[in-house]
């Protein structure tokens, strides 16, 4: 299914003369037809295997920027997965410290001989990326190792601003955009992404007996953490999901209120809105049943929708 979707996006982009050679190289590496020749291929493979949607959006960026974005996404993927791959908090803290030191070394012009580090070093030098955004992402991921539920929606938004919006700020810098209106839009899109990610991950987290949805909204509707752990699909549980999803929608609308002032060259950094819209539309159609099986299915039309949104230069 994945290869079919990637091929569909590839065919669309080839019609405009963009990106084709890179897509063939990535596919060749993935199939074993050719060994990766450069560190950028390693980053692309990390993103393709662990962040399929991010991989698709990256393919729509100008070719001269794609390697930098793959490096940023590979870094982000590695950090995001720390919480899921470690069994003890101490091990998670050690991994987080590895990435914090890696960023320090990158900005000291002494990157370790590691593919992501070397590509990040190149991206930092090429685009003059702000160190603060990297450190905010790392610090927020470290705080998240506590695995506590968010006390309220504001706490979830704060996490999303630091972890998700900071990443979009870096994408904007790669695109050469330093604009106040673009930053405002990025802030709201990052918050929407963090909220949607929390919703999308709820079925997975529930299998591990963990619930991260805001406690104040759960209490408001009389839904307990045990309801989510058991996969309860009754109205009071769906009401919680409705409120959380509605807040993500509000942030998307706020982001779009700046569209007349945001430079058009910033739009590729906001392609994630296509993915957010897709999930919010799907969960609305199943009456906010976060455990509905259809939500776990990949949208095979996503590459096409991404391409159309990119071509129309809207977010």
C-alpha atoms as a PDB file:
ATOM      1  CA  UNK A   1       0.000   0.000   0.000  1.00  0.00           C
ATOM      2  CA  UNK A   2       2.807   2.410   0.908  1.00  0.00           C
ATOM      3  CA  UNK A   3       4.787   1.839  -2.279  1.00  0.00           C
ATOM      4  CA  UNK A   4       1.634   2.384  -4.347  1.00  0.00           C
ATOM      5  CA  UNK A   5       1.000   5.723  -2.613  1.00  0.00           C
ATOM      6  CA  UNK A   6       4.593   6.852  -3.055  1.00  0.00           C
ATOM      7  CA  UNK A   7       4.499   5.882  -6.728  1.00  0.00           C
ATOM      8  CA  UNK A   8       1.306   7.894  -7.165  1.00  0.00           C
ATOM      9  CA  UNK A   9       2.901  10.983  -5.671  1.00  0.00           C
ATOM     10  CA  UNK A  10       6.011  10.383  -7.730  1.00  0.00           C
ATOM     11  CA  UNK A  11       4.029  10.227 -10.966  1.00  0.00           C
ATOM     12  CA  UNK A  12       2.265  13.497 -10.108  1.00  0.00           C
ATOM     13  CA  UNK A  13       5.515  15.274  -9.357  1.00  0.00           C
ATOM     14  CA  UNK A  14       7.239  13.904 -12.410  1.00  0.00           C
ATOM     15  CA  UNK A  15       4.593  15.615 -14.522  1.00  0.00           C
ATOM     16  CA  UNK A  16       5.919  18.934 -13.284  1.00  0.00           C
ATOM     17  CA  UNK A  17       9.547  17.907 -13.668  1.00  0.00           C
ATOM     18  CA  UNK A  18      10.197  18.020  -9.904  1.00  0.00           C
ATOM     19  CA  UNK A  19      11.874  15.538  -7.629  1.00  0.00           C
ATOM     20  CA  UNK A  20      11.872  12.426  -9.853  1.00  0.00           C
ATOM     21  CA  UNK A  21      15.523  11.462  -9.539  1.00  0.00           C
ATOM     22  CA  UNK A  22      15.435  11.694  -5.743  1.00  0.00           C
ATOM     23  CA  UNK A  23      12.312   9.547  -5.521  1.00  0.00           C
ATOM     24  CA  UNK A  24      13.933   6.844  -7.646  1.00  0.00           C
ATOM     25  CA  UNK A  25      17.078   6.912  -5.502  1.00  0.00           C
ATOM     26  CA  UNK A  26      15.090   6.545  -2.286  1.00  0.00           C
ATOM     27  CA  UNK A  27      13.041   3.673  -3.734  1.00  0.00           C
ATOM     28  CA  UNK A  28      16.174   1.967  -5.021  1.00  0.00           C
ATOM     29  CA  UNK A  29      17.759   2.173  -1.585  1.00  0.00           C
ATOM     30  CA  UNK A  30      14.609   0.833   0.074  1.00  0.00           C
ATOM     31  CA  UNK A  31      14.380  -2.137  -2.294  1.00  0.00           C
ATOM     32  CA  UNK A  32      18.003  -3.090  -1.841  1.00  0.00           C
ATOM     33  CA  UNK A  33      18.835  -2.299  -5.452  1.00  0.00           C
ATOM     34  CA  UNK A  34      21.540   0.146  -4.411  1.00  0.00           C
ATOM     35  CA  UNK A  35      23.365   0.838  -1.172  1.00  0.00           C
ATOM     36  CA  UNK A  36      22.973   4.363   0.208  1.00  0.00           C
ATOM     37  CA  UNK A  37      25.817   6.475  -1.139  1.00  0.00           C
ATOM     38  CA  UNK A  38      25.467   9.445   1.200  1.00  0.00           C
ATOM     39  CA  UNK A  39      24.280  10.279   4.678  1.00  0.00           C
ATOM     40  CA  UNK A  40      21.223  12.037   3.264  1.00  0.00           C
ATOM     41  CA  UNK A  41      19.948   8.687   1.995  1.00  0.00           C
ATOM     42  CA  UNK A  42      20.141   7.310   5.519  1.00  0.00           C
ATOM     43  CA  UNK A  43      18.063  10.229   6.836  1.00  0.00           C
ATOM     44  CA  UNK A  44      15.529   9.774   4.055  1.00  0.00           C
ATOM     45  CA  UNK A  45      15.207   6.099   4.936  1.00  0.00           C
ATOM     46  CA  UNK A  46      14.678   6.841   8.623  1.00  0.00           C
ATOM     47  CA  UNK A  47      11.899   9.261   7.734  1.00  0.00           C
ATOM     48  CA  UNK A  48      10.302   6.966   5.172  1.00  0.00           C
ATOM     49  CA  UNK A  49      10.179   3.992   7.536  1.00  0.00           C
ATOM     50  CA  UNK A  50       9.063   5.850  10.673  1.00  0.00           C
ATOM     51  CA  UNK A  51       7.300   9.011   9.505  1.00  0.00           C
ATOM     52  CA  UNK A  52       5.572   8.123   6.250  1.00  0.00           C
ATOM     53  CA  UNK A  53       3.451  11.270   6.161  1.00  0.00           C
ATOM     54  CA  UNK A  54       6.459  13.475   6.862  1.00  0.00           C
ATOM     55  CA  UNK A  55       8.294  11.668   4.088  1.00  0.00           C
ATOM     56  CA  UNK A  56       5.532  12.508   1.610  1.00  0.00           C
ATOM     57  CA  UNK A  57       5.436  16.184   2.562  1.00  0.00           C
ATOM     58  CA  UNK A  58       9.229  16.390   2.272  1.00  0.00           C
ATOM     59  CA  UNK A  59       9.111  15.139  -1.300  1.00  0.00           C
ATOM     60  CA  UNK A  60       7.139  18.245  -2.261  1.00  0.00           C
ATOM     61  CA  UNK A  61       9.863  20.628  -1.134  1.00  0.00           C
ATOM     62  CA  UNK A  62      12.363  22.180  -3.561  1.00  0.00           C
ATOM     63  CA  UNK A  63      15.089  19.643  -4.319  1.00  0.00           C
ATOM     64  CA  UNK A  64      17.877  21.843  -2.976  1.00  0.00           C
ATOM     65  CA  UNK A  65      16.196  21.899   0.463  1.00  0.00           C
ATOM     66  CA  UNK A  66      15.089  18.309   0.730  1.00  0.00           C
ATOM     67  CA  UNK A  67      18.250  16.898   2.317  1.00  0.00           C
ATOM     68  CA  UNK A  68      18.112  19.481   5.107  1.00  0.00           C
ATOM     69  CA  UNK A  69      14.461  18.684   5.803  1.00  0.00           C
ATOM     70  CA  UNK A  70      15.099  14.933   5.848  1.00  0.00           C
ATOM     71  CA  UNK A  71      17.845  15.560   8.425  1.00  0.00           C
ATOM     72  CA  UNK A  72      15.451  17.594  10.589  1.00  0.00           C
ATOM     73  CA  UNK A  73      12.726  14.968  10.306  1.00  0.00           C
ATOM     74  CA  UNK A  74      15.122  12.116  11.096  1.00  0.00           C
ATOM     75  CA  UNK A  75      16.252  13.983  14.225  1.00  0.00           C
ATOM     76  CA  UNK A  76      12.625  14.620  15.201  1.00  0.00           C
ATOM     77  CA  UNK A  77      11.629  10.985  14.631  1.00  0.00           C
ATOM     78  CA  UNK A  78      14.461   9.682  16.785  1.00  0.00           C
ATOM     79  CA  UNK A  79      13.480  11.978  19.641  1.00  0.00           C
ATOM     80  CA  UNK A  80       9.766  11.268  19.345  1.00  0.00           C
ATOM     81  CA  UNK A  81      10.317   7.526  19.620  1.00  0.00           C
ATOM     82  CA  UNK A  82      12.495   7.599  22.718  1.00  0.00           C
ATOM     83  CA  UNK A  83       9.461   7.314  24.981  1.00  0.00           C
ATOM     84  CA  UNK A  84       8.180   4.227  23.158  1.00  0.00           C
ATOM     85  CA  UNK A  85      11.434   2.281  22.767  1.00  0.00           C
ATOM     86  CA  UNK A  86      12.806   2.457  26.315  1.00  0.00           C
ATOM     87  CA  UNK A  87      11.536   0.441  29.248  1.00  0.00           C
ATOM     88  CA  UNK A  88      13.000   2.670  31.970  1.00  0.00           C
ATOM     89  CA  UNK A  89      13.031   6.427  32.349  1.00  0.00           C
ATOM     90  CA  UNK A  90      16.777   6.393  33.042  1.00  0.00           C
ATOM     91  CA  UNK A  91      17.442   4.863  29.644  1.00  0.00           C
ATOM     92  CA  UNK A  92      15.213   7.472  28.050  1.00  0.00           C
ATOM     93  CA  UNK A  93      17.122  10.272  29.764  1.00  0.00           C
ATOM     94  CA  UNK A  94      20.393   8.813  28.461  1.00  0.00           C
ATOM     95  CA  UNK A  95      19.055   8.839  24.903  1.00  0.00           C
ATOM     96  CA  UNK A  96      17.777  12.384  25.299  1.00  0.00           C
ATOM     97  CA  UNK A  97      21.177  13.473  26.606  1.00  0.00           C
ATOM     98  CA  UNK A  98      22.825  11.882  23.559  1.00  0.00           C
ATOM     99  CA  UNK A  99      20.763  14.092  21.247  1.00  0.00           C
ATOM    100  CA  UNK A 100      21.306  17.188  23.389  1.00  0.00           C
ATOM    101  CA  UNK A 101      25.066  16.667  23.241  1.00  0.00           C
ATOM    102  CA  UNK A 102      24.835  15.960  19.527  1.00  0.00           C
ATOM    103  CA  UNK A 103      23.221  19.359  18.947  1.00  0.00           C
ATOM    104  CA  UNK A 104      25.885  21.046  21.072  1.00  0.00           C
ATOM    105  CA  UNK A 105      28.572  19.345  18.979  1.00  0.00           C
ATOM    106  CA  UNK A 106      26.843  20.320  15.738  1.00  0.00           C
ATOM    107  CA  UNK A 107      26.833  23.974  16.770  1.00  0.00           C
ATOM    108  CA  UNK A 108      30.471  23.674  17.870  1.00  0.00           C
ATOM    109  CA  UNK A 109      31.400  22.564  14.338  1.00  0.00           C
ATOM    110  CA  UNK A 110      32.364  19.160  15.693  1.00  0.00           C
ATOM    111  CA  UNK A 111      29.551  16.771  14.695  1.00  0.00           C
ATOM    112  CA  UNK A 112      29.975  13.091  15.617  1.00  0.00           C
ATOM    113  CA  UNK A 113      30.481  10.649  12.776  1.00  0.00           C
ATOM    114  CA  UNK A 114      26.812   9.773  12.624  1.00  0.00           C
ATOM    115  CA  UNK A 115      24.622  10.297   9.537  1.00  0.00           C
ATOM    116  CA  UNK A 116      21.929  12.440  11.168  1.00  0.00           C
ATOM    117  CA  UNK A 117      24.525  14.545  12.987  1.00  0.00           C
ATOM    118  CA  UNK A 118      26.498  15.212   9.822  1.00  0.00           C
ATOM    119  CA  UNK A 119      23.384  16.150   7.847  1.00  0.00           C
ATOM    120  CA  UNK A 120      22.171  18.404  10.659  1.00  0.00           C
ATOM    121  CA  UNK A 121      25.561  20.095  10.734  1.00  0.00           C
ATOM    122  CA  UNK A 122      25.304  20.770   7.001  1.00  0.00           C
ATOM    123  CA  UNK A 123      21.754  22.093   7.389  1.00  0.00           C
ATOM    124  CA  UNK A 124      22.695  24.368  10.293  1.00  0.00           C
ATOM    125  CA  UNK A 125      25.580  25.865   8.341  1.00  0.00           C
ATOM    126  CA  UNK A 126      23.579  26.245   5.131  1.00  0.00           C
ATOM    127  CA  UNK A 127      20.434  27.788   6.616  1.00  0.00           C
ATOM    128  CA  UNK A 128      21.714  29.372   9.840  1.00  0.00           C
ATOM    129  CA  UNK A 129      19.203  27.377  11.881  1.00  0.00           C
ATOM    130  CA  UNK A 130      18.329  28.627  15.358  1.00  0.00           C
ATOM    131  CA  UNK A 131      19.754  26.434  18.093  1.00  0.00           C
ATOM    132  CA  UNK A 132      16.976  27.385  20.509  1.00  0.00           C
ATOM    133  CA  UNK A 133      14.354  25.480  18.505  1.00  0.00           C
ATOM    134  CA  UNK A 134      16.350  22.248  18.679  1.00  0.00           C
ATOM    135  CA  UNK A 135      16.809  22.607  22.434  1.00  0.00           C
ATOM    136  CA  UNK A 136      13.120  23.353  23.002  1.00  0.00           C
ATOM    137  CA  UNK A 137      12.190  20.143  21.201  1.00  0.00           C
ATOM    138  CA  UNK A 138      14.695  18.137  23.236  1.00  0.00           C
ATOM    139  CA  UNK A 139      13.654  19.688  26.558  1.00  0.00           C
ATOM    140  CA  UNK A 140       9.976  19.027  25.879  1.00  0.00           C
ATOM    141  CA  UNK A 141      10.596  15.408  24.900  1.00  0.00           C
ATOM    142  CA  UNK A 142      12.572  14.984  28.113  1.00  0.00           C
ATOM    143  CA  UNK A 143       9.703  16.364  30.214  1.00  0.00           C
ATOM    144  CA  UNK A 144       7.322  14.033  28.415  1.00  0.00           C
ATOM    145  CA  UNK A 145       9.222  10.992  29.689  1.00  0.00           C
ATOM    146  CA  UNK A 146       7.264  11.393  32.946  1.00  0.00           C
ATOM    147  CA  UNK A 147       4.315   9.824  31.096  1.00  0.00           C
ATOM    148  CA  UNK A 148       1.717  11.773  33.051  1.00  0.00           C
ATOM    149  CA  UNK A 149      -1.649  12.678  31.563  1.00  0.00           C
ATOM    150  CA  UNK A 150      -2.030  16.335  30.656  1.00  0.00           C
ATOM    151  CA  UNK A 151      -3.907  18.115  33.410  1.00  0.00           C
ATOM    152  CA  UNK A 152      -5.742  20.364  30.978  1.00  0.00           C
ATOM    153  CA  UNK A 153      -5.869  21.320  27.310  1.00  0.00           C
ATOM    154  CA  UNK A 154      -3.513  24.245  27.946  1.00  0.00           C
ATOM    155  CA  UNK A 155      -0.824  21.843  29.134  1.00  0.00           C
ATOM    156  CA  UNK A 156      -1.232  19.776  25.969  1.00  0.00           C
ATOM    157  CA  UNK A 157      -1.021  22.952  23.870  1.00  0.00           C
ATOM    158  CA  UNK A 158       2.152  23.994  25.691  1.00  0.00           C
ATOM    159  CA  UNK A 159       3.732  20.626  24.891  1.00  0.00           C
ATOM    160  CA  UNK A 160       2.644  20.940  21.259  1.00  0.00           C
ATOM    161  CA  UNK A 161       4.027  24.482  20.959  1.00  0.00           C
ATOM    162  CA  UNK A 162       7.441  23.428  22.248  1.00  0.00           C
ATOM    163  CA  UNK A 163       7.721  20.085  20.467  1.00  0.00           C
ATOM    164  CA  UNK A 164       5.749  20.578  17.247  1.00  0.00           C
ATOM    165  CA  UNK A 165       5.711  24.307  16.535  1.00  0.00           C
ATOM    166  CA  UNK A 166       9.456  24.544  17.172  1.00  0.00           C
ATOM    167  CA  UNK A 167       9.997  21.963  14.455  1.00  0.00           C
ATOM    168  CA  UNK A 168       7.898  24.017  12.007  1.00  0.00           C
ATOM    169  CA  UNK A 169       9.955  27.107  12.880  1.00  0.00           C
ATOM    170  CA  UNK A 170      13.016  25.164  11.748  1.00  0.00           C
ATOM    171  CA  UNK A 171      11.269  24.207   8.504  1.00  0.00           C
ATOM    172  CA  UNK A 172      10.503  27.875   7.891  1.00  0.00           C
ATOM    173  CA  UNK A 173      14.164  28.741   8.400  1.00  0.00           C
ATOM    174  CA  UNK A 174      15.172  26.092   5.868  1.00  0.00           C
ATOM    175  CA  UNK A 175      12.749  27.756   3.436  1.00  0.00           C
ATOM    176  CA  UNK A 176      14.370  31.111   4.152  1.00  0.00           C
ATOM    177  CA  UNK A 177      11.241  32.500   5.831  1.00  0.00           C
ATOM    178  CA  UNK A 178      11.595  34.693   8.876  1.00  0.00           C
ATOM    179  CA  UNK A 179       8.228  36.365   9.133  1.00  0.00           C
ATOM    180  CA  UNK A 180       6.037  37.181  12.122  1.00  0.00           C
ATOM    181  CA  UNK A 181       2.783  36.122  10.456  1.00  0.00           C
ATOM    182  CA  UNK A 182       4.318  32.830   9.324  1.00  0.00           C
ATOM    183  CA  UNK A 183       5.474  32.236  12.899  1.00  0.00           C
ATOM    184  CA  UNK A 184       1.961  32.851  14.231  1.00  0.00           C
ATOM    185  CA  UNK A 185       0.523  30.382  11.725  1.00  0.00           C
ATOM    186  CA  UNK A 186       3.252  27.856  12.581  1.00  0.00           C
ATOM    187  CA  UNK A 187       2.465  28.173  16.282  1.00  0.00           C
ATOM    188  CA  UNK A 188      -1.200  27.288  15.761  1.00  0.00           C
ATOM    189  CA  UNK A 189      -0.458  24.500  13.272  1.00  0.00           C
ATOM    190  CA  UNK A 190       2.018  22.967  15.721  1.00  0.00           C
ATOM    191  CA  UNK A 191      -0.573  23.078  18.488  1.00  0.00           C
ATOM    192  CA  UNK A 192      -3.151  21.448  16.222  1.00  0.00           C
ATOM    193  CA  UNK A 193      -0.635  18.780  15.276  1.00  0.00           C
ATOM    194  CA  UNK A 194       0.206  18.013  18.895  1.00  0.00           C
ATOM    195  CA  UNK A 195      -3.471  17.667  19.773  1.00  0.00           C
ATOM    196  CA  UNK A 196      -4.227  15.442  16.777  1.00  0.00           C
ATOM    197  CA  UNK A 197      -1.171  13.309  17.496  1.00  0.00           C
ATOM    198  CA  UNK A 198      -2.438  12.787  21.042  1.00  0.00           C
ATOM    199  CA  UNK A 199      -5.794  11.650  19.671  1.00  0.00           C
ATOM    200  CA  UNK A 200      -4.291   9.392  16.995  1.00  0.00           C
ATOM    201  CA  UNK A 201      -2.043   7.699  19.527  1.00  0.00           C
ATOM    202  CA  UNK A 202      -4.832   7.069  22.057  1.00  0.00           C
ATOM    203  CA  UNK A 203      -5.680   3.521  20.850  1.00  0.00           C
ATOM    204  CA  UNK A 204      -1.988   2.560  20.934  1.00  0.00           C
ATOM    205  CA  UNK A 205      -1.395   4.108  24.342  1.00  0.00           C
ATOM    206  CA  UNK A 206      -4.507   2.454  25.750  1.00  0.00           C
ATOM    207  CA  UNK A 207      -3.033  -0.975  24.960  1.00  0.00           C
ATOM    208  CA  UNK A 208      -0.137   0.015  27.214  1.00  0.00           C
ATOM    209  CA  UNK A 209      -2.570   1.181  29.918  1.00  0.00           C
ATOM    210  CA  UNK A 210      -1.618   4.816  29.414  1.00  0.00           C
ATOM    211  CA  UNK A 211      -3.911   7.774  28.769  1.00  0.00           C
ATOM    212  CA  UNK A 212      -2.668  11.270  27.918  1.00  0.00           C
ATOM    213  CA  UNK A 213      -5.905  13.071  27.050  1.00  0.00           C
ATOM    214  CA  UNK A 214      -6.495  16.185  29.209  1.00  0.00           C
ATOM    215  CA  UNK A 215      -7.863  15.242  32.612  1.00  0.00           C
ATOM    216  CA  UNK A 216     -10.068  18.321  32.932  1.00  0.00           C
ATOM    217  CA  UNK A 217     -12.009  17.410  29.784  1.00  0.00           C
ATOM    218  CA  UNK A 218     -12.302  13.781  30.896  1.00  0.00           C
ATOM    219  CA  UNK A 219     -13.695  14.898  34.268  1.00  0.00           C
ATOM    220  CA  UNK A 220     -16.088  17.315  32.586  1.00  0.00           C
ATOM    221  CA  UNK A 221     -17.744  14.438  30.726  1.00  0.00           C
ATOM    222  CA  UNK A 222     -17.414  11.820  33.462  1.00  0.00           C
ATOM    223  CA  UNK A 223     -14.926   9.698  31.516  1.00  0.00           C
ATOM    224  CA  UNK A 224     -12.247   7.844  33.450  1.00  0.00           C
ATOM    225  CA  UNK A 225      -8.845   6.720  32.263  1.00  0.00           C
ATOM    226  CA  UNK A 226     -10.120   3.162  32.600  1.00  0.00           C
ATOM    227  CA  UNK A 227     -12.770   3.951  29.962  1.00  0.00           C
ATOM    228  CA  UNK A 228     -10.027   4.630  27.435  1.00  0.00           C
ATOM    229  CA  UNK A 229      -7.887   1.705  28.558  1.00  0.00           C
ATOM    230  CA  UNK A 230     -10.853  -0.616  27.976  1.00  0.00           C
ATOM    231  CA  UNK A 231     -11.624   0.967  24.616  1.00  0.00           C
ATOM    232  CA  UNK A 232     -15.011   2.259  25.709  1.00  0.00           C
ATOM    233  CA  UNK A 233     -16.858   3.806  22.754  1.00  0.00           C
ATOM    234  CA  UNK A 234     -19.868   5.251  24.587  1.00  0.00           C
ATOM    235  CA  UNK A 235     -21.098   8.827  24.288  1.00  0.00           C
ATOM    236  CA  UNK A 236     -19.255  10.298  27.284  1.00  0.00           C
ATOM    237  CA  UNK A 237     -15.963   9.033  25.864  1.00  0.00           C
ATOM    238  CA  UNK A 238     -16.791  10.387  22.404  1.00  0.00           C
ATOM    239  CA  UNK A 239     -17.683  13.731  23.988  1.00  0.00           C
ATOM    240  CA  UNK A 240     -14.140  13.965  25.346  1.00  0.00           C
ATOM    241  CA  UNK A 241     -12.730  13.240  21.900  1.00  0.00           C
ATOM    242  CA  UNK A 242     -15.087  15.806  20.338  1.00  0.00           C
ATOM    243  CA  UNK A 243     -13.865  18.562  22.676  1.00  0.00           C
ATOM    244  CA  UNK A 244     -10.202  17.753  22.085  1.00  0.00           C
ATOM    245  CA  UNK A 245     -10.635  17.476  18.310  1.00  0.00           C
ATOM    246  CA  UNK A 246     -12.566  20.744  18.273  1.00  0.00           C
ATOM    247  CA  UNK A 247      -9.625  22.519  19.864  1.00  0.00           C
ATOM    248  CA  UNK A 248      -7.339  21.231  17.105  1.00  0.00           C
ATOM    249  CA  UNK A 249      -9.821  22.552  14.537  1.00  0.00           C
ATOM    250  CA  UNK A 250      -9.845  25.956  16.245  1.00  0.00           C
ATOM    251  CA  UNK A 251      -6.061  26.177  15.950  1.00  0.00           C
ATOM    252  CA  UNK A 252      -6.178  25.269  12.262  1.00  0.00           C
ATOM    253  CA  UNK A 253      -8.720  28.032  11.674  1.00  0.00           C
ATOM    254  CA  UNK A 254      -6.525  30.512  13.553  1.00  0.00           C
ATOM    255  CA  UNK A 255      -3.547  29.483  11.422  1.00  0.00           C
ATOM    256  CA  UNK A 256      -5.547  30.015   8.239  1.00  0.00           C
ATOM    257  CA  UNK A 257      -6.638  33.467   9.372  1.00  0.00           C
ATOM    258  CA  UNK A 258      -3.069  34.585   8.607  1.00  0.00           C
ATOM    259  CA  UNK A 259      -2.976  33.108   5.101  1.00  0.00           C
ATOM    260  CA  UNK A 260      -3.351  36.510   3.421  1.00  0.00           C
ATOM    261  CA  UNK A 261      -0.261  37.797   5.234  1.00  0.00           C
ATOM    262  CA  UNK A 262       1.986  34.713   5.205  1.00  0.00           C
ATOM    263  CA  UNK A 263       4.582  34.668   2.378  1.00  0.00           C
ATOM    264  CA  UNK A 264       3.709  31.988  -0.182  1.00  0.00           C
ATOM    265  CA  UNK A 265       7.187  30.485   0.084  1.00  0.00           C
ATOM    266  CA  UNK A 266       6.291  29.476   3.676  1.00  0.00           C
ATOM    267  CA  UNK A 267       3.424  27.235   2.586  1.00  0.00           C
ATOM    268  CA  UNK A 268       5.495  24.052   2.067  1.00  0.00           C
ATOM    269  CA  UNK A 269       6.245  24.104   5.806  1.00  0.00           C
ATOM    270  CA  UNK A 270       2.499  23.937   6.459  1.00  0.00           C
ATOM    271  CA  UNK A 271       1.622  20.888   4.341  1.00  0.00           C
ATOM    272  CA  UNK A 272       0.989  18.978   7.558  1.00  0.00           C
ATOM    273  CA  UNK A 273      -2.417  20.679   7.604  1.00  0.00           C
ATOM    274  CA  UNK A 274      -3.528  18.262   4.865  1.00  0.00           C
ATOM    275  CA  UNK A 275      -2.856  15.339   7.200  1.00  0.00           C
ATOM    276  CA  UNK A 276      -4.559  17.062  10.125  1.00  0.00           C
ATOM    277  CA  UNK A 277      -7.625  17.837   8.016  1.00  0.00           C
ATOM    278  CA  UNK A 278      -7.738  14.223   6.852  1.00  0.00           C
ATOM    279  CA  UNK A 279      -7.794  12.840  10.396  1.00  0.00           C
ATOM    280  CA  UNK A 280     -10.277  15.391  11.731  1.00  0.00           C
ATOM    281  CA  UNK A 281     -12.633  14.685   8.829  1.00  0.00           C
ATOM    282  CA  UNK A 282     -12.370  10.930   9.377  1.00  0.00           C
ATOM    283  CA  UNK A 283     -13.000  11.099  13.113  1.00  0.00           C
ATOM    284  CA  UNK A 284     -15.992  13.382  12.538  1.00  0.00           C
ATOM    285  CA  UNK A 285     -17.485  10.837  10.126  1.00  0.00           C
ATOM    286  CA  UNK A 286     -17.296   8.104  12.794  1.00  0.00           C
ATOM    287  CA  UNK A 287     -18.914  10.370  15.396  1.00  0.00           C
ATOM    288  CA  UNK A 288     -15.661  10.914  17.284  1.00  0.00           C
ATOM    289  CA  UNK A 289     -15.131   7.254  18.083  1.00  0.00           C
ATOM    290  CA  UNK A 290     -11.361   7.353  18.571  1.00  0.00           C
ATOM    291  CA  UNK A 291     -11.220   3.529  18.534  1.00  0.00           C
ATOM    292  CA  UNK A 292     -12.997   3.099  15.193  1.00  0.00           C
ATOM    293  CA  UNK A 293     -10.965   0.732  12.948  1.00  0.00           C
ATOM    294  CA  UNK A 294     -11.227   3.057   9.938  1.00  0.00           C
ATOM    295  CA  UNK A 295      -9.013   5.596  11.704  1.00  0.00           C
ATOM    296  CA  UNK A 296      -6.114   3.142  11.608  1.00  0.00           C
ATOM    297  CA  UNK A 297      -6.257   2.772   7.827  1.00  0.00           C
ATOM    298  CA  UNK A 298      -3.912   4.780   5.668  1.00  0.00           C
ATOM    299  CA  UNK A 299      -5.540   7.156   3.209  1.00  0.00           C
ATOM    300  CA  UNK A 300      -4.284   6.028  -0.191  1.00  0.00           C
ATOM    301  CA  UNK A 301      -5.364   9.372  -1.671  1.00  0.00           C
ATOM    302  CA  UNK A 302      -3.179  11.351   0.709  1.00  0.00           C
ATOM    303  CA  UNK A 303      -0.292  11.789  -1.774  1.00  0.00           C
ATOM    304  CA  UNK A 304      -2.714  13.218  -4.325  1.00  0.00           C
ATOM    305  CA  UNK A 305      -4.281  15.595  -1.788  1.00  0.00           C
ATOM    306  CA  UNK A 306      -0.830  16.770  -0.695  1.00  0.00           C
ATOM    307  CA  UNK A 307       0.178  17.421  -4.285  1.00  0.00           C
ATOM    308  CA  UNK A 308      -3.014  19.367  -5.063  1.00  0.00           C
ATOM    309  CA  UNK A 309      -2.671  21.508  -1.926  1.00  0.00           C
ATOM    310  CA  UNK A 310       0.975  22.179  -2.799  1.00  0.00           C
ATOM    311  CA  UNK A 311       0.112  23.078  -6.386  1.00  0.00           C
ATOM    312  CA  UNK A 312      -2.658  25.432  -5.277  1.00  0.00           C
ATOM    313  CA  UNK A 313      -0.283  27.027  -2.735  1.00  0.00           C
ATOM    314  CA  UNK A 314      -2.764  26.960   0.098  1.00  0.00           C
ATOM    315  CA  UNK A 315      -2.725  25.514   3.576  1.00  0.00           C
END
